[in-house]
Amino acid sequence: MKYLVLTIRTPQFDASFVAAHYDFLRSLRNRGLLEQAGPFTDRSGGAYVIRSDSLEAARDLAQQDPLHLHGCSEVTVREWDAR
C-alpha cells in the first residue's frame, strides 16, 4: 500500500534539522520505500509518499523523521489509493 505523509511545520521549526530530514528521505529511497517527496511552495511543510505493509508500520516509519523527532513538524499519515 501507499501512504501519504504530511509534514506541517510547527512554531518550533528549526532549519538545522532539514539536512537530517533529507538524509532520512534518502535512506527511505535507498530502501525502496520512498516514491515521491517535496516541500510545499508556501514553505509550510511538505509531503512524501511511502510504501508500507500497514498504516501502523507507515506511521512508525514516518515518526522516525528527524523533523518530527525534534518537534519541528507535525506528521500525519494517510493510506492513499493513488493511481
PDB file of N, CA and C in Angstrom:
ATOM      1  N   MET A   1       0.827  -1.187   0.000  1.00  0.00           N
ATOM      2  CA  MET A   1       0.000   0.000   0.000  1.00  0.00           C
ATOM      3  C   MET A   1       0.875   1.256   0.000  1.00  0.00           C
ATOM      4  N   LYS A   2       0.277   2.324  -0.498  1.00  0.00           N
ATOM      5  CA  LYS A   2       0.947   3.624  -0.480  1.00  0.00           C
ATOM      6  C   LYS A   2       0.365   4.465   0.651  1.00  0.00           C
ATOM      7  N   TYR A   3       1.229   5.275   1.233  1.00  0.00           N
ATOM      8  CA  TYR A   3       0.833   6.151   2.324  1.00  0.00           C
ATOM      9  C   TYR A   3       1.367   7.553   2.062  1.00  0.00           C
ATOM     10  N   LEU A   4       0.490   8.526   2.233  1.00  0.00           N
ATOM     11  CA  LEU A   4       0.861   9.924   2.089  1.00  0.00           C
ATOM     12  C   LEU A   4       1.238  10.453   3.464  1.00  0.00           C
ATOM     13  N   VAL A   5       2.432  10.987   3.566  1.00  0.00           N
ATOM     14  CA  VAL A   5       2.923  11.546   4.820  1.00  0.00           C
ATOM     15  C   VAL A   5       2.967  13.065   4.665  1.00  0.00           C
ATOM     16  N   LEU A   6       2.193  13.755   5.492  1.00  0.00           N
ATOM     17  CA  LEU A   6       2.188  15.218   5.502  1.00  0.00           C
ATOM     18  C   LEU A   6       3.023  15.697   6.676  1.00  0.00           C
ATOM     19  N   THR A   7       3.936  16.611   6.419  1.00  0.00           N
ATOM     20  CA  THR A   7       4.753  17.189   7.477  1.00  0.00           C
ATOM     21  C   THR A   7       4.488  18.690   7.491  1.00  0.00           C
ATOM     22  N   ILE A   8       3.856  19.162   8.544  1.00  0.00           N
ATOM     23  CA  ILE A   8       3.499  20.570   8.671  1.00  0.00           C
ATOM     24  C   ILE A   8       4.369  21.202   9.754  1.00  0.00           C
ATOM     25  N   ARG A   9       5.026  22.295   9.388  1.00  0.00           N
ATOM     26  CA  ARG A   9       5.923  22.961  10.333  1.00  0.00           C
ATOM     27  C   ARG A   9       5.189  23.439  11.575  1.00  0.00           C
ATOM     28  N   THR A  10       5.850  23.297  12.709  1.00  0.00           N
ATOM     29  CA  THR A  10       5.338  23.820  13.971  1.00  0.00           C
ATOM     30  C   THR A  10       6.013  25.167  14.245  1.00  0.00           C
ATOM     31  N   PRO A  11       5.521  25.914  15.217  1.00  0.00           N
ATOM     32  CA  PRO A  11       6.207  27.158  15.587  1.00  0.00           C
ATOM     33  C   PRO A  11       7.644  26.920  16.067  1.00  0.00           C
ATOM     34  N   GLN A  12       7.960  25.697  16.476  1.00  0.00           N
ATOM     35  CA  GLN A  12       9.313  25.370  16.944  1.00  0.00           C
ATOM     36  C   GLN A  12      10.223  24.918  15.793  1.00  0.00           C
ATOM     37  N   PHE A  13       9.807  25.107  14.543  1.00  0.00           N
ATOM     38  CA  PHE A  13      10.608  24.659  13.402  1.00  0.00           C
ATOM     39  C   PHE A  13      12.027  25.203  13.515  1.00  0.00           C
ATOM     40  N   ASP A  14      12.988  24.302  13.303  1.00  0.00           N
ATOM     41  CA  ASP A  14      14.404  24.651  13.357  1.00  0.00           C
ATOM     42  C   ASP A  14      15.055  24.125  12.081  1.00  0.00           C
ATOM     43  N   ALA A  15      15.483  25.029  11.226  1.00  0.00           N
ATOM     44  CA  ALA A  15      16.046  24.659   9.922  1.00  0.00           C
ATOM     45  C   ALA A  15      17.307  23.809  10.037  1.00  0.00           C
ATOM     46  N   SER A  16      17.938  23.783  11.199  1.00  0.00           N
ATOM     47  CA  SER A  16      19.163  22.986  11.340  1.00  0.00           C
ATOM     48  C   SER A  16      18.885  21.480  11.230  1.00  0.00           C
ATOM     49  N   PHE A  17      17.612  21.073  11.308  1.00  0.00           N
ATOM     50  CA  PHE A  17      17.274  19.649  11.191  1.00  0.00           C
ATOM     51  C   PHE A  17      16.876  19.240   9.766  1.00  0.00           C
ATOM     52  N   VAL A  18      16.874  20.184   8.840  1.00  0.00           N
ATOM     53  CA  VAL A  18      16.455  19.877   7.468  1.00  0.00           C
ATOM     54  C   VAL A  18      17.421  18.896   6.805  1.00  0.00           C
ATOM     55  N   ALA A  19      18.715  19.054   7.005  1.00  0.00           N
ATOM     56  CA  ALA A  19      19.688  18.134   6.393  1.00  0.00           C
ATOM     57  C   ALA A  19      19.446  16.705   6.878  1.00  0.00           C
ATOM     58  N   ALA A  20      19.175  16.532   8.167  1.00  0.00           N
ATOM     59  CA  ALA A  20      18.888  15.191   8.702  1.00  0.00           C
ATOM     60  C   ALA A  20      17.590  14.642   8.110  1.00  0.00           C
ATOM     61  N   HIS A  21      16.610  15.514   7.889  1.00  0.00           N
ATOM     62  CA  HIS A  21      15.356  15.110   7.240  1.00  0.00           C
ATOM     63  C   HIS A  21      15.642  14.589   5.828  1.00  0.00           C
ATOM     64  N   TYR A  22      16.460  15.308   5.068  1.00  0.00           N
ATOM     65  CA  TYR A  22      16.795  14.857   3.712  1.00  0.00           C
ATOM     66  C   TYR A  22      17.583  13.549   3.737  1.00  0.00           C
ATOM     67  N   ASP A  23      18.455  13.385   4.714  1.00  0.00           N
ATOM     68  CA  ASP A  23      19.176  12.109   4.861  1.00  0.00           C
ATOM     69  C   ASP A  23      18.192  10.975   5.143  1.00  0.00           C
ATOM     70  N   PHE A  24      17.197  11.239   5.988  1.00  0.00           N
ATOM     71  CA  PHE A  24      16.149  10.259   6.290  1.00  0.00           C
ATOM     72  C   PHE A  24      15.401   9.871   5.016  1.00  0.00           C
ATOM     73  N   LEU A  25      14.997  10.870   4.227  1.00  0.00           N
ATOM     74  CA  LEU A  25      14.286  10.578   2.976  1.00  0.00           C
ATOM     75  C   LEU A  25      15.176   9.791   2.012  1.00  0.00           C
ATOM     76  N   ARG A  26      16.445  10.152   1.949  1.00  0.00           N
ATOM     77  CA  ARG A  26      17.386   9.432   1.071  1.00  0.00           C
ATOM     78  C   ARG A  26      17.496   7.967   1.505  1.00  0.00           C
ATOM     79  N   SER A  27      17.507   7.722   2.804  1.00  0.00           N
ATOM     80  CA  SER A  27      17.597   6.333   3.282  1.00  0.00           C
ATOM     81  C   SER A  27      16.324   5.562   2.926  1.00  0.00           C
ATOM     82  N   LEU A  28      15.169   6.216   3.014  1.00  0.00           N
ATOM     83  CA  LEU A  28      13.923   5.554   2.597  1.00  0.00           C
ATOM     84  C   LEU A  28      13.966   5.217   1.108  1.00  0.00           C
ATOM     85  N   ARG A  29      14.450   6.157   0.301  1.00  0.00           N
ATOM     86  CA  ARG A  29      14.544   5.918  -1.150  1.00  0.00           C
ATOM     87  C   ARG A  29      15.498   4.767  -1.433  1.00  0.00           C
ATOM     88  N   ASN A  30      16.627   4.739  -0.751  1.00  0.00           N
ATOM     89  CA  ASN A  30      17.611   3.668  -0.954  1.00  0.00           C
ATOM     90  C   ASN A  30      17.056   2.300  -0.568  1.00  0.00           C
ATOM     91  N   ARG A  31      16.119   2.275   0.363  1.00  0.00           N
ATOM     92  CA  ARG A  31      15.488   1.019   0.794  1.00  0.00           C
ATOM     93  C   ARG A  31      14.268   0.666  -0.065  1.00  0.00           C
ATOM     94  N   GLY A  32      13.975   1.481  -1.046  1.00  0.00           N
ATOM     95  CA  GLY A  32      12.844   1.221  -1.934  1.00  0.00           C
ATOM     96  C   GLY A  32      11.496   1.558  -1.329  1.00  0.00           C
ATOM     97  N   LEU A  33      11.482   2.382  -0.277  1.00  0.00           N
ATOM     98  CA  LEU A  33      10.238   2.709   0.412  1.00  0.00           C
ATOM     99  C   LEU A  33       9.645   4.054   0.015  1.00  0.00           C
ATOM    100  N   LEU A  34      10.469   4.954  -0.505  1.00  0.00           N
ATOM    101  CA  LEU A  34      10.024   6.302  -0.843  1.00  0.00           C
ATOM    102  C   LEU A  34       9.756   6.416  -2.333  1.00  0.00           C
ATOM    103  N   GLU A  35       8.572   6.913  -2.689  1.00  0.00           N
ATOM    104  CA  GLU A  35       8.222   7.117  -4.099  1.00  0.00           C
ATOM    105  C   GLU A  35       8.401   8.561  -4.541  1.00  0.00           C
ATOM    106  N   GLN A  36       7.901   9.490  -3.739  1.00  0.00           N
ATOM    107  CA  GLN A  36       7.980  10.907  -4.080  1.00  0.00           C
ATOM    108  C   GLN A  36       8.130  11.712  -2.808  1.00  0.00           C
ATOM    109  N   ALA A  37       8.720  12.902  -2.940  1.00  0.00           N
ATOM    110  CA  ALA A  37       8.849  13.797  -1.791  1.00  0.00           C
ATOM    111  C   ALA A  37       9.076  15.211  -2.289  1.00  0.00           C
ATOM    112  N   GLY A  38       8.626  16.167  -1.484  1.00  0.00           N
ATOM    113  CA  GLY A  38       8.897  17.554  -1.825  1.00  0.00           C
ATOM    114  C   GLY A  38       8.220  18.519  -0.876  1.00  0.00           C
ATOM    115  N   PRO A  39       8.738  19.761  -0.853  1.00  0.00           N
ATOM    116  CA  PRO A  39       8.166  20.788   0.018  1.00  0.00           C
ATOM    117  C   PRO A  39       6.944  21.437  -0.635  1.00  0.00           C
ATOM    118  N   PHE A  40       6.101  22.026   0.196  1.00  0.00           N
ATOM    119  CA  PHE A  40       5.009  22.851  -0.311  1.00  0.00           C
ATOM    120  C   PHE A  40       5.604  24.182  -0.774  1.00  0.00           C
ATOM    121  N   THR A  41       5.033  24.767  -1.795  1.00  0.00           N
ATOM    122  CA  THR A  41       5.592  26.011  -2.329  1.00  0.00           C
ATOM    123  C   THR A  41       5.486  27.175  -1.352  1.00  0.00           C
ATOM    124  N   ASP A  42       4.557  27.090  -0.387  1.00  0.00           N
ATOM    125  CA  ASP A  42       4.449  28.165   0.607  1.00  0.00           C
ATOM    126  C   ASP A  42       5.386  27.953   1.795  1.00  0.00           C
ATOM    127  N   ARG A  43       6.187  26.891   1.746  1.00  0.00           N
ATOM    128  CA  ARG A  43       7.201  26.564   2.755  1.00  0.00           C
ATOM    129  C   ARG A  43       6.594  26.248   4.127  1.00  0.00           C
ATOM    130  N   SER A  44       5.335  25.840   4.158  1.00  0.00           N
ATOM    131  CA  SER A  44       4.681  25.491   5.422  1.00  0.00           C
ATOM    132  C   SER A  44       4.947  24.049   5.848  1.00  0.00           C
ATOM    133  N   GLY A  45       5.615  23.318   4.997  1.00  0.00           N
ATOM    134  CA  GLY A  45       5.901  21.909   5.256  1.00  0.00           C
ATOM    135  C   GLY A  45       6.104  21.194   3.944  1.00  0.00           C
ATOM    136  N   GLY A  46       5.759  19.902   3.929  1.00  0.00           N
ATOM    137  CA  GLY A  46       5.931  19.120   2.715  1.00  0.00           C
ATOM    138  C   GLY A  46       5.191  17.808   2.835  1.00  0.00           C
ATOM    139  N   ALA A  47       5.423  16.963   1.848  1.00  0.00           N
ATOM    140  CA  ALA A  47       4.763  15.659   1.835  1.00  0.00           C
ATOM    141  C   ALA A  47       5.679  14.652   1.157  1.00  0.00           C
ATOM    142  N   TYR A  48       5.448  13.386   1.501  1.00  0.00           N
ATOM    143  CA  TYR A  48       6.124  12.314   0.787  1.00  0.00           C
ATOM    144  C   TYR A  48       5.238  11.088   0.757  1.00  0.00           C
ATOM    145  N   VAL A  49       5.487  10.247  -0.236  1.00  0.00           N
ATOM    146  CA  VAL A  49       4.713   9.024  -0.433  1.00  0.00           C
ATOM    147  C   VAL A  49       5.637   7.846  -0.174  1.00  0.00           C
ATOM    148  N   ILE A  50       5.192   6.974   0.749  1.00  0.00           N
ATOM    149  CA  ILE A  50       5.976   5.790   1.074  1.00  0.00           C
ATOM    150  C   ILE A  50       5.151   4.535   0.839  1.00  0.00           C
ATOM    151  N   ARG A  51       5.836   3.431   0.701  1.00  0.00           N
ATOM    152  CA  ARG A  51       5.202   2.111   0.636  1.00  0.00           C
ATOM    153  C   ARG A  51       5.424   1.422   1.970  1.00  0.00           C
ATOM    154  N   SER A  52       4.378   0.744   2.445  1.00  0.00           N
ATOM    155  CA  SER A  52       4.471   0.026   3.707  1.00  0.00           C
ATOM    156  C   SER A  52       3.421  -1.074   3.727  1.00  0.00           C
ATOM    157  N   ASP A  53       3.591  -2.026   4.622  1.00  0.00           N
ATOM    158  CA  ASP A  53       2.655  -3.143   4.735  1.00  0.00           C
ATOM    159  C   ASP A  53       1.373  -2.783   5.471  1.00  0.00           C
ATOM    160  N   SER A  54       1.430  -1.730   6.313  1.00  0.00           N
ATOM    161  CA  SER A  54       0.248  -1.367   7.089  1.00  0.00           C
ATOM    162  C   SER A  54       0.316   0.105   7.472  1.00  0.00           C
ATOM    163  N   LEU A  55      -0.832   0.653   7.849  1.00  0.00           N
ATOM    164  CA  LEU A  55      -0.886   2.039   8.300  1.00  0.00           C
ATOM    165  C   LEU A  55      -0.040   2.214   9.559  1.00  0.00           C
ATOM    166  N   GLU A  56      -0.116   1.260  10.467  1.00  0.00           N
ATOM    167  CA  GLU A  56       0.670   1.341  11.700  1.00  0.00           C
ATOM    168  C   GLU A  56       2.166   1.366  11.396  1.00  0.00           C
ATOM    169  N   ALA A  57       2.616   0.508  10.492  1.00  0.00           N
ATOM    170  CA  ALA A  57       4.042   0.478  10.128  1.00  0.00           C
ATOM    171  C   ALA A  57       4.445   1.778   9.434  1.00  0.00           C
ATOM    172  N   ALA A  58       3.567   2.319   8.600  1.00  0.00           N
ATOM    173  CA  ALA A  58       3.853   3.585   7.925  1.00  0.00           C
ATOM    174  C   ALA A  58       3.970   4.719   8.944  1.00  0.00           C
ATOM    175  N   ARG A  59       3.074   4.741   9.930  1.00  0.00           N
ATOM    176  CA  ARG A  59       3.145   5.770  10.983  1.00  0.00           C
ATOM    177  C   ARG A  59       4.432   5.636  11.787  1.00  0.00           C
ATOM    178  N   ASP A  60       4.784   4.404  12.136  1.00  0.00           N
ATOM    179  CA  ASP A  60       6.020   4.179  12.895  1.00  0.00           C
ATOM    180  C   ASP A  60       7.223   4.693  12.113  1.00  0.00           C
ATOM    181  N   LEU A  61       7.240   4.434  10.821  1.00  0.00           N
ATOM    182  CA  LEU A  61       8.341   4.871   9.972  1.00  0.00           C
ATOM    183  C   LEU A  61       8.385   6.393   9.887  1.00  0.00           C
ATOM    184  N   ALA A  62       7.244   7.015   9.602  1.00  0.00           N
ATOM    185  CA  ALA A  62       7.196   8.477   9.452  1.00  0.00           C
ATOM    186  C   ALA A  62       7.567   9.190  10.745  1.00  0.00           C
ATOM    187  N   GLN A  63       7.257   8.602  11.872  1.00  0.00           N
ATOM    188  CA  GLN A  63       7.576   9.240  13.150  1.00  0.00           C
ATOM    189  C   GLN A  63       9.071   9.185  13.468  1.00  0.00           C
ATOM    190  N   GLN A  64       9.844   8.499  12.636  1.00  0.00           N
ATOM    191  CA  GLN A  64      11.299   8.498  12.775  1.00  0.00           C
ATOM    192  C   GLN A  64      11.947   9.681  12.049  1.00  0.00           C
ATOM    193  N   ASP A  65      11.129  10.438  11.319  1.00  0.00           N
ATOM    194  CA  ASP A  65      11.626  11.608  10.600  1.00  0.00           C
ATOM    195  C   ASP A  65      12.224  12.589  11.619  1.00  0.00           C
ATOM    196  N   PRO A  66      13.467  13.017  11.417  1.00  0.00           N
ATOM    197  CA  PRO A  66      14.090  13.940  12.370  1.00  0.00           C
ATOM    198  C   PRO A  66      13.286  15.221  12.612  1.00  0.00           C
ATOM    199  N   LEU A  67      12.575  15.706  11.615  1.00  0.00           N
ATOM    200  CA  LEU A  67      11.763  16.905  11.834  1.00  0.00           C
ATOM    201  C   LEU A  67      10.663  16.636  12.855  1.00  0.00           C
ATOM    202  N   HIS A  68      10.120  15.443  12.828  1.00  0.00           N
ATOM    203  CA  HIS A  68       9.110  15.062  13.816  1.00  0.00           C
ATOM    204  C   HIS A  68       9.755  14.817  15.179  1.00  0.00           C
ATOM    205  N   LEU A  69      10.849  14.094  15.194  1.00  0.00           N
ATOM    206  CA  LEU A  69      11.511  13.748  16.460  1.00  0.00           C
ATOM    207  C   LEU A  69      11.931  14.979  17.253  1.00  0.00           C
ATOM    208  N   HIS A  70      12.247  16.068  16.550  1.00  0.00           N
ATOM    209  CA  HIS A  70      12.723  17.284  17.213  1.00  0.00           C
ATOM    210  C   HIS A  70      11.643  18.354  17.333  1.00  0.00           C
ATOM    211  N   GLY A  71      10.375  17.973  17.097  1.00  0.00           N
ATOM    212  CA  GLY A  71       9.271  18.902  17.284  1.00  0.00           C
ATOM    213  C   GLY A  71       9.162  19.988  16.227  1.00  0.00           C
ATOM    214  N   CYS A  72       9.865  19.830  15.117  1.00  0.00           N
ATOM    215  CA  CYS A  72       9.848  20.836  14.057  1.00  0.00           C
ATOM    216  C   CYS A  72       8.619  20.735  13.156  1.00  0.00           C
ATOM    217  N   SER A  73       8.060  19.545  13.061  1.00  0.00           N
ATOM    218  CA  SER A  73       6.908  19.313  12.191  1.00  0.00           C
ATOM    219  C   SER A  73       5.963  18.312  12.837  1.00  0.00           C
ATOM    220  N   GLU A  74       4.689  18.509  12.569  1.00  0.00           N
ATOM    221  CA  GLU A  74       3.684  17.514  12.925  1.00  0.00           C
ATOM    222  C   GLU A  74       3.536  16.582  11.733  1.00  0.00           C
ATOM    223  N   VAL A  75       3.482  15.299  11.993  1.00  0.00           N
ATOM    224  CA  VAL A  75       3.399  14.300  10.927  1.00  0.00           C
ATOM    225  C   VAL A  75       2.021  13.645  10.952  1.00  0.00           C
ATOM    226  N   THR A  76       1.407  13.595   9.785  1.00  0.00           N
ATOM    227  CA  THR A  76       0.135  12.901   9.603  1.00  0.00           C
ATOM    228  C   THR A  76       0.318  11.891   8.479  1.00  0.00           C
ATOM    229  N   VAL A  77      -0.158  10.671   8.682  1.00  0.00           N
ATOM    230  CA  VAL A  77      -0.027   9.616   7.679  1.00  0.00           C
ATOM    231  C   VAL A  77      -1.422   9.163   7.271  1.00  0.00           C
ATOM    232  N   ARG A  78      -1.645   9.095   5.963  1.00  0.00           N
ATOM    233  CA  ARG A  78      -2.924   8.659   5.420  1.00  0.00           C
ATOM    234  C   ARG A  78      -2.689   7.544   4.405  1.00  0.00           C
ATOM    235  N   GLU A  79      -3.499   6.477   4.511  1.00  0.00           N
ATOM    236  CA  GLU A  79      -3.464   5.460   3.466  1.00  0.00           C
ATOM    237  C   GLU A  79      -4.011   6.124   2.205  1.00  0.00           C
ATOM    238  N   TRP A  80      -3.328   5.873   1.077  1.00  0.00           N
ATOM    239  CA  TRP A  80      -3.639   6.623  -0.133  1.00  0.00           C
ATOM    240  C   TRP A  80      -3.817   5.673  -1.291  1.00  0.00           C
ATOM    241  N   ASP A  81      -4.967   5.715  -1.910  1.00  0.00           N
ATOM    242  CA  ASP A  81      -5.283   4.858  -3.062  1.00  0.00           C
ATOM    243  C   ASP A  81      -4.953   5.625  -4.345  1.00  0.00           C
ATOM    244  N   ALA A  82      -3.694   6.046  -4.466  1.00  0.00           N
ATOM    245  CA  ALA A  82      -3.248   6.806  -5.635  1.00  0.00           C
ATOM    246  C   ALA A  82      -3.054   5.868  -6.822  1.00  0.00           C
ATOM    247  N   ARG A  83      -3.348   6.382  -7.977  1.00  0.00           N
ATOM    248  CA  ARG A  83      -3.184   5.584  -9.210  1.00  0.00           C
ATOM    249  C   ARG A  83      -2.420   6.348 -10.262  1.00  0.00           C
TER     250      ARG A  83
END
